[in-house]
Protein backbone atom coordinates (compact mmCIF):
# COMPACT_ATOMS: atom_id res chain seq x y z
CA MET A 1 85.71 73.49 38.31
CA LEU A 2 86.29 72.31 34.78
CA PRO A 3 89.33 70.27 33.64
CA PRO A 4 91.35 73.22 32.25
CA GLY A 5 91.27 74.95 35.63
CA HIS A 6 92.33 71.81 37.51
CA ILE A 7 95.11 71.11 35.03
CA ALA A 8 96.36 74.72 35.29
CA ALA A 9 96.25 74.52 39.10
CA GLY A 10 98.25 71.28 38.98
CA PHE A 11 100.81 73.01 36.75
CA LEU A 12 101.08 75.94 39.16
CA THR A 13 101.43 73.54 42.10
CA ALA A 14 104.25 71.64 40.38
CA LYS A 15 105.94 74.90 39.38
CA ALA A 16 105.78 76.17 42.98
CA LEU A 17 107.07 72.86 44.36
CA LEU A 18 110.03 72.89 41.98
CA HIS A 19 110.71 76.54 42.78
CA PHE A 20 110.73 76.05 46.56
CA THR A 21 112.46 72.65 46.76
CA HIS A 22 115.13 73.20 44.05
CA PRO A 23 115.61 69.48 43.35
CA GLU A 24 118.82 68.49 41.59
CA LEU A 25 117.15 67.17 38.46
CA ALA A 26 117.74 67.33 34.73
CA VAL A 27 115.59 69.73 32.72
CA ILE A 28 113.67 66.83 31.15
CA GLN A 29 112.84 65.46 34.61
CA GLN A 30 111.61 68.87 35.73
CA THR A 31 109.43 69.05 32.62
CA GLN A 32 108.07 65.58 33.38
CA LEU A 33 107.25 66.74 36.91
CA LEU A 34 105.21 69.61 35.47
CA TRP A 35 103.24 67.04 33.46
CA TRP A 36 102.78 64.92 36.60
CA GLY A 37 101.49 68.01 38.42
CA MET A 38 98.98 68.72 35.67
CA PHE A 39 97.84 65.08 35.69
CA PHE A 40 97.37 64.92 39.47
CA GLY A 41 95.61 68.29 39.44
CA PHE A 42 92.96 66.65 37.25
CA ALA A 43 93.17 62.99 38.39
CA PRO A 44 90.42 63.08 41.05
CA ASP A 45 87.95 63.95 38.26
CA LEU A 46 88.67 60.73 36.40
CA ASP A 47 85.72 59.42 38.39
CA THR A 48 83.42 61.49 36.15
CA PHE A 49 83.86 58.80 33.52
CA VAL A 50 82.33 56.34 35.99
CA SER A 51 79.52 58.84 36.61
CA PHE A 52 78.86 59.20 32.88
CA ALA A 53 78.94 55.41 32.48
CA LYS A 54 76.32 55.02 35.23
CA GLU A 55 74.16 57.65 33.53
CA ARG A 56 74.81 56.15 30.08
CA ALA A 57 74.99 59.72 28.80
CA TRP A 58 77.42 62.58 28.21
CA PHE A 59 75.59 64.70 30.74
CA VAL A 60 74.34 64.18 34.28
CA ILE A 61 70.69 63.16 34.46
CA ASN A 62 70.51 61.88 38.04
CA ARG A 63 71.40 64.65 40.49
CA GLY A 64 72.03 62.02 43.20
CA ASN A 65 75.01 60.72 41.23
CA ASN A 66 77.50 63.30 42.53
CA HIS A 67 80.98 62.25 41.50
CA ARG A 68 82.43 64.23 44.44
CA LYS A 69 80.99 61.56 46.73
CA PHE A 70 83.18 58.86 45.17
CA PHE A 71 86.21 57.79 47.19
CA SER A 72 88.47 59.28 44.52
CA HIS A 73 87.41 62.70 45.86
CA ALA A 74 88.68 61.88 49.36
CA PRO A 75 91.80 63.93 50.22
CA PHE A 76 92.95 61.37 52.81
CA LEU A 77 93.52 58.73 50.11
CA TRP A 78 95.63 61.08 47.99
CA LEU A 79 97.59 62.21 51.04
CA CYS A 80 98.34 58.57 51.95
CA ALA A 81 99.26 57.64 48.36
CA GLY A 82 101.56 60.65 47.98
CA LEU A 83 103.30 60.12 51.30
CA LEU A 84 103.67 56.40 50.61
CA VAL A 85 105.44 57.10 47.31
CA TYR A 86 107.52 59.82 48.99
CA PHE A 87 108.72 57.68 51.90
CA LEU A 88 109.28 54.51 49.86
CA SER A 89 111.35 56.33 47.24
CA VAL A 90 115.08 56.84 47.44
CA ASP A 91 115.33 58.89 44.25
CA VAL A 92 114.67 62.66 44.40
CA TYR A 93 112.56 62.47 41.24
CA TRP A 94 110.15 59.90 42.70
CA LYS A 95 110.03 61.68 46.04
CA THR A 96 108.91 64.77 44.13
CA VAL A 97 106.30 62.69 42.27
CA GLY A 98 105.03 61.56 45.69
CA LEU A 99 104.68 65.17 46.79
CA LEU A 100 102.87 65.99 43.54
CA ILE A 101 100.40 63.13 44.07
CA TRP A 102 99.51 64.75 47.37
CA LEU A 103 99.76 68.46 46.52
CA GLY A 104 98.46 68.28 42.94
CA SER A 105 95.33 66.43 44.01
CA TRP A 106 94.85 68.76 46.95
CA SER A 107 94.95 71.77 44.59
CA HIS A 108 91.98 70.04 42.93
CA PHE A 109 90.18 69.60 46.24
CA LEU A 110 90.71 73.20 47.34
CA LEU A 111 89.23 74.45 44.09
CA ASP A 112 86.28 72.04 44.28
CA SER A 113 85.69 73.30 47.82
CA ILE A 114 84.95 76.86 46.71
CA GLU A 115 81.27 76.22 45.90
CA TYR A 116 80.68 72.51 45.41
CA GLY A 117 82.50 70.85 48.26
CA ILE A 118 84.21 67.53 48.81
CA MET A 119 84.49 64.93 51.58
CA TRP A 120 87.39 66.44 53.55
CA LEU A 121 86.90 64.11 56.53
CA TRP A 122 86.42 60.81 54.68
CA PRO A 123 86.66 57.96 55.86
CA PHE A 124 85.39 59.35 59.18
CA SER A 125 82.49 61.22 57.56
CA ASP A 126 81.00 61.41 54.07
CA ARG A 127 79.75 64.95 54.66
CA ILE A 128 80.66 67.39 51.88
CA TYR A 129 82.35 70.63 52.94
CA ALA A 130 82.44 73.81 50.85
CA PHE A 131 83.50 77.40 51.49
CA CYS A 132 80.23 78.80 50.13
CA ASN A 133 77.03 77.89 48.21
CA ARG A 134 77.10 74.19 49.04
CA GLU A 135 74.71 72.12 46.89
CA ARG A 136 74.76 74.45 43.89
CA ASP A 137 72.24 73.21 41.36
CA PHE A 138 72.17 74.64 37.85
CA LYS A 139 68.62 73.36 37.27
CA LEU A 140 69.53 71.91 33.89
CA THR A 141 66.52 70.29 32.29
CA GLU A 142 67.82 69.74 28.76
CA ASN A 143 68.11 66.10 27.71
CA ASN A 144 70.08 66.59 24.52
CA PHE A 145 73.86 66.89 24.49
CA PHE A 146 74.28 70.39 23.06
CA GLY A 147 71.36 71.93 24.94
CA TYR A 148 72.58 70.52 28.25
CA TRP A 149 76.16 71.73 27.85
CA TRP A 150 75.11 75.13 26.47
CA HIS A 151 72.95 75.78 29.54
CA PHE A 152 75.65 74.38 31.84
CA VAL A 153 78.29 76.76 30.45
CA LYS A 154 75.92 79.74 30.67
CA SER A 155 75.16 78.92 34.31
CA TYR A 156 78.78 78.12 35.16
CA CYS A 157 79.97 81.50 33.90
CA GLN A 158 77.91 83.13 36.66
CA THR A 159 79.73 81.38 39.53
CA LEU A 160 82.63 82.39 41.77
CA THR A 161 84.37 79.17 40.73
CA PHE A 162 84.38 80.32 37.10
CA TYR A 163 86.21 83.54 37.99
CA CYS A 164 88.71 81.66 40.15
CA GLU A 165 89.30 79.28 37.25
CA LEU A 166 89.82 82.19 34.88
CA ILE A 167 92.45 83.73 37.19
CA ILE A 168 94.24 80.39 37.57
CA LEU A 169 94.29 79.86 33.79
CA ILE A 170 95.68 83.34 33.17
CA LEU A 171 98.36 82.88 35.86
CA ALA A 172 99.36 79.51 34.42
CA LEU A 173 99.63 81.00 30.93
CA ILE A 174 101.75 83.90 32.17
CA ILE A 175 104.06 81.68 34.20
CA SER A 176 104.39 79.06 31.45
CA THR A 177 105.48 81.69 28.92
CA LYS A 178 108.04 83.22 31.29
CA TYR A 179 110.07 80.05 31.72
């Protein structure tokens, strides 16, 4: 999934968490929590910058350099980090941030698991699990920036993940305009 979809999913996760937990927080704190949710919905993909640095390009040349095999795409780490913040915090705001570290990142992992998969059992196994079409390869052969991304977008628009992302973006837009 692309960054807009992960960010929208993080927003929806934060919105749902605030709706169901009803924390006694100021409006500005609740707004900050929505931003935290959006950040943690995208945060596991910060490893793509490492991937691009290894490739020394703005597109992926080496198919073996799958950023979903980096430890930042391991749900166990995000669960531990979120629960650590939650249990070490005494303030409701920071407890909620702890929950968002866990749940926002896991919204990312669930969406990546639709077709591409992630390492759900790391550190016990580095096997990648997906709901369907594991090891999707777009067969992109372009070596120039615009050609690569043009073919990527054309191929991506034909995936189930694209339609899920579209639904999530529309839901996030509807919910964000209601409140």
